Amino acid sequence: MWLRRRLATAQRGREQLDRKLRILVPELQRRRIQADRWRRQWAAAYEDADTWLLRAGLLGGQDALRNAAAPRLARITVTWATAMGVSYPADASLADDHTRSATPAPGPPGNAAIAPATLAFEAAFLAAVRTAAAEEAVRRVEAEIAVTRRRLRALEKRWLPSLQEALGQLELSLEQAEQEDGLRLRRAAAVQPDGRAWP
């Protein structure tokens, strides 16, 4: 009975791991598509920002660029999701206080390209943050799929065959013992009242 319970548990484990893979593999595809989309947007936003930086540099020189740069830390908010026990970043965004100050502070702008360059760099930064979150999601889901496949393979190639073989041997030995007991009972029943065996 113990061996049968172990075998049933291993089979349920195999079914659960198989179900987990059937859910995680499509999720990985969705995460890869999202990561590719953000990567393309990041490349486009970076090219746009680089163009505006060049324009701002040509119009106002390096001094205009240095004066336009406001040193501040960016605050990022990451939204998390969970699928089959795997937590991964679903999206990332800039915190509200950062986006409110996206437009440069009033004052001498240096030239007309500074404000569009600032906005273009913030858009590129946001696209980079979202790309990083999407790539981390892909990495985490891929890692969980690899672990799940390894566990499933161990169950299918080692545990289940081992338990099935042990159960088969045990059933064979029990059947053999039962046959031997039956033979002994038949022989005992075949003994004559004086103690001699029937011919």
Protein backbone atom coordinates (compact mmCIF):
# COMPACT_ATOMS: atom_id res chain seq x y z
CA MET A 1 0.00 0.00 0.00
CA TRP A 2 2.84 2.38 0.86
CA LEU A 3 4.45 1.77 -2.53
CA ARG A 4 1.16 2.28 -4.35
CA ARG A 5 0.63 5.58 -2.50
CA ARG A 6 4.13 6.70 -3.45
CA LEU A 7 3.50 5.80 -7.08
CA ALA A 8 0.16 7.65 -7.10
CA THR A 9 1.85 10.71 -5.55
CA ALA A 10 4.60 10.62 -8.18
CA GLN A 11 2.01 10.36 -10.97
CA ARG A 12 0.06 13.33 -9.55
CA GLY A 13 3.33 15.25 -9.34
CA ARG A 14 4.02 14.49 -12.98
CA GLU A 15 0.55 15.73 -13.95
CA GLN A 16 1.03 18.94 -11.94
CA LEU A 17 4.45 19.62 -13.47
CA ASP A 18 3.05 18.96 -16.94
CA ARG A 19 0.18 21.37 -16.24
CA LYS A 20 2.65 23.98 -15.00
CA LEU A 21 4.62 23.69 -18.23
CA ARG A 22 1.45 24.02 -20.32
CA ILE A 23 0.74 27.32 -18.55
CA LEU A 24 4.30 28.72 -18.38
CA VAL A 25 5.34 28.08 -22.00
CA PRO A 26 2.62 30.35 -23.50
CA GLU A 27 3.37 32.91 -20.77
CA LEU A 28 7.03 32.85 -21.83
CA GLN A 29 6.00 33.50 -25.44
CA ARG A 30 3.91 36.49 -24.36
CA ARG A 31 6.81 37.84 -22.27
CA ARG A 32 9.25 37.43 -25.18
CA ILE A 33 6.91 39.28 -27.54
CA GLN A 34 6.54 42.08 -24.99
CA ALA A 35 10.33 42.27 -24.48
CA ASP A 36 10.91 42.48 -28.24
CA ARG A 37 8.30 45.22 -28.57
CA TRP A 38 9.89 47.27 -25.76
CA ARG A 39 13.37 46.70 -27.19
CA ARG A 40 12.25 48.12 -30.56
CA GLN A 41 10.59 51.09 -28.85
CA TRP A 42 13.73 51.70 -26.81
CA ALA A 43 15.91 51.68 -29.95
CA ALA A 44 13.56 54.12 -31.70
CA ALA A 45 13.34 56.39 -28.64
CA TYR A 46 17.13 56.36 -28.26
CA GLU A 47 17.61 57.38 -31.90
CA ASP A 48 15.11 60.21 -31.44
CA ALA A 49 16.83 61.37 -28.24
CA ASP A 50 20.24 61.18 -29.90
CA THR A 51 18.98 63.32 -32.79
CA TRP A 52 17.59 65.96 -30.40
CA LEU A 53 20.83 65.92 -28.40
CA LEU A 54 22.79 66.61 -31.57
CA ARG A 55 20.44 69.48 -32.48
CA ALA A 56 20.66 70.97 -29.00
CA GLY A 57 24.45 70.68 -29.07
CA LEU A 58 24.71 72.32 -32.48
CA LEU A 59 22.39 75.17 -31.51
CA GLY A 60 23.76 75.97 -28.07
CA GLY A 61 27.03 74.12 -27.66
CA GLN A 62 28.20 72.04 -24.71
CA ASP A 63 27.47 74.83 -22.22
CA ALA A 64 23.76 74.79 -23.12
CA LEU A 65 23.69 71.02 -22.62
CA ARG A 66 25.45 71.23 -19.23
CA ASN A 67 23.12 73.98 -18.02
CA ALA A 68 20.03 72.06 -19.17
CA ALA A 69 20.95 68.90 -17.25
CA ALA A 70 19.15 68.90 -13.91
CA PRO A 71 20.73 66.29 -11.63
CA ARG A 72 17.99 64.21 -10.03
CA LEU A 73 17.37 60.59 -9.28
CA ALA A 74 14.71 58.73 -11.18
CA ARG A 75 12.18 56.77 -9.17
CA ILE A 76 10.86 53.65 -10.83
CA THR A 77 7.72 51.74 -9.93
CA VAL A 78 7.67 48.04 -10.84
CA THR A 79 4.39 46.14 -11.17
CA TRP A 80 4.73 42.44 -10.36
CA ALA A 81 2.70 39.48 -11.63
CA THR A 82 2.65 35.81 -10.67
CA ALA A 83 1.99 32.74 -12.79
CA MET A 84 2.17 29.23 -11.32
CA GLY A 85 4.25 30.43 -8.38
CA VAL A 86 6.71 32.47 -10.47
CA SER A 87 6.89 36.18 -9.66
CA TYR A 88 8.14 38.44 -12.42
CA PRO A 89 7.96 42.14 -13.30
CA ALA A 90 4.92 42.72 -15.49
CA ASP A 91 5.67 46.39 -16.19
CA ALA A 92 7.69 49.33 -14.96
CA SER A 93 7.02 53.05 -14.99
CA LEU A 94 8.47 56.28 -13.71
CA ALA A 95 7.08 57.49 -10.39
CA ASP A 96 4.52 60.31 -10.50
CA ASP A 97 6.80 62.95 -9.03
CA HIS A 98 9.34 62.23 -11.78
CA THR A 99 6.86 62.60 -14.64
CA ARG A 100 5.46 65.83 -13.21
CA SER A 101 8.88 67.40 -13.49
CA ALA A 102 9.43 66.08 -17.02
CA THR A 103 9.32 69.54 -18.51
CA PRO A 104 12.40 71.64 -17.84
CA ALA A 105 12.20 74.31 -15.18
CA PRO A 106 11.40 77.80 -16.44
CA GLY A 107 14.43 79.90 -17.09
CA PRO A 108 16.78 80.52 -19.95
CA PRO A 109 16.40 77.36 -22.03
CA GLY A 110 19.64 77.88 -23.98
CA ASN A 111 17.97 77.01 -27.27
CA ALA A 112 14.76 75.65 -28.75
CA ALA A 113 16.04 72.06 -28.92
CA ILE A 114 16.63 71.63 -25.16
CA ALA A 115 12.98 71.01 -24.16
CA PRO A 116 12.31 68.42 -26.93
CA ALA A 117 15.67 66.76 -26.18
CA THR A 118 14.77 66.47 -22.49
CA LEU A 119 11.42 64.90 -23.29
CA ALA A 120 13.00 62.55 -25.84
CA PHE A 121 15.57 61.37 -23.28
CA GLU A 122 12.87 60.77 -20.68
CA ALA A 123 10.90 58.71 -23.22
CA ALA A 124 14.05 56.72 -24.04
CA PHE A 125 14.71 56.20 -20.33
CA LEU A 126 11.15 54.94 -19.76
CA ALA A 127 11.45 52.57 -22.72
CA ALA A 128 14.79 51.30 -21.32
CA VAL A 129 13.22 50.68 -17.91
CA ARG A 130 10.31 48.78 -19.45
CA THR A 131 12.72 46.77 -21.60
CA ALA A 132 14.75 45.80 -18.53
CA ALA A 133 11.58 44.71 -16.69
CA ALA A 134 10.38 42.67 -19.68
CA GLU A 135 13.77 40.98 -20.09
CA GLU A 136 13.86 40.12 -16.38
CA ALA A 137 10.38 38.59 -16.71
CA VAL A 138 11.60 36.46 -19.63
CA ARG A 139 14.66 35.37 -17.63
CA ARG A 140 12.60 34.36 -14.58
CA VAL A 141 9.98 32.45 -16.54
CA GLU A 142 12.68 30.69 -18.61
CA ALA A 143 14.49 29.67 -15.41
CA GLU A 144 11.29 28.26 -13.90
CA ILE A 145 10.51 26.33 -17.08
CA ALA A 146 14.02 24.82 -17.04
CA VAL A 147 13.64 23.75 -13.38
CA THR A 148 10.17 22.32 -14.04
CA ARG A 149 11.40 20.34 -17.06
CA ARG A 150 14.30 18.98 -15.01
CA ARG A 151 11.92 17.86 -12.25
CA LEU A 152 9.52 16.33 -14.76
CA ARG A 153 12.36 14.47 -16.46
CA ALA A 154 13.58 13.15 -13.08
CA LEU A 155 10.07 11.90 -12.29
CA GLU A 156 9.55 10.27 -15.67
CA LYS A 157 13.03 8.77 -16.10
CA ARG A 158 13.95 7.83 -12.53
CA TRP A 159 11.24 7.90 -9.88
CA LEU A 160 8.27 6.48 -11.76
CA PRO A 161 10.20 3.59 -13.39
CA SER A 162 11.91 2.82 -10.08
CA LEU A 163 8.64 2.80 -8.16
CA GLN A 164 6.87 0.78 -10.86
CA GLU A 165 9.68 -1.78 -10.89
CA ALA A 166 9.67 -2.05 -7.10
CA LEU A 167 5.88 -2.45 -7.12
CA GLY A 168 6.09 -5.11 -9.82
CA GLN A 169 8.72 -7.07 -7.88
CA LEU A 170 6.73 -6.79 -4.67
CA GLU A 171 3.52 -7.94 -6.37
CA LEU A 172 5.42 -10.85 -7.94
CA SER A 173 6.88 -11.93 -4.59
CA LEU A 174 3.45 -11.59 -2.91
CA GLU A 175 1.84 -13.68 -5.64
CA GLN A 176 4.58 -16.30 -5.32
CA ALA A 177 4.13 -16.41 -1.53
CA GLU A 178 0.37 -16.75 -2.00
CA GLN A 179 0.85 -19.66 -4.39
CA GLU A 180 3.23 -21.36 -1.95
CA ASP A 181 0.71 -20.90 0.89
CA GLY A 182 -2.04 -22.36 -1.31
CA LEU A 183 0.12 -25.35 -2.14
CA ARG A 184 0.89 -25.94 1.57
CA LEU A 185 -2.81 -25.72 2.43
CA ARG A 186 -3.73 -28.15 -0.31
CA ARG A 187 -1.04 -30.57 0.90
CA ALA A 188 -2.22 -30.23 4.49
CA ALA A 189 -5.80 -30.90 3.44
CA ALA A 190 -4.64 -33.92 1.45
CA VAL A 191 -3.19 -35.72 4.55
CA GLN A 192 -5.10 -38.89 5.62
CA PRO A 193 -6.39 -39.21 9.18
CA ASP A 194 -3.52 -41.57 10.09
CA GLY A 195 -0.97 -38.92 9.05
CA ARG A 196 -0.03 -40.35 5.68
CA ALA A 197 -0.38 -38.30 2.52
CA TRP A 198 -2.98 -39.32 -0.03
CA PRO A 199 -1.44 -41.09 -3.01
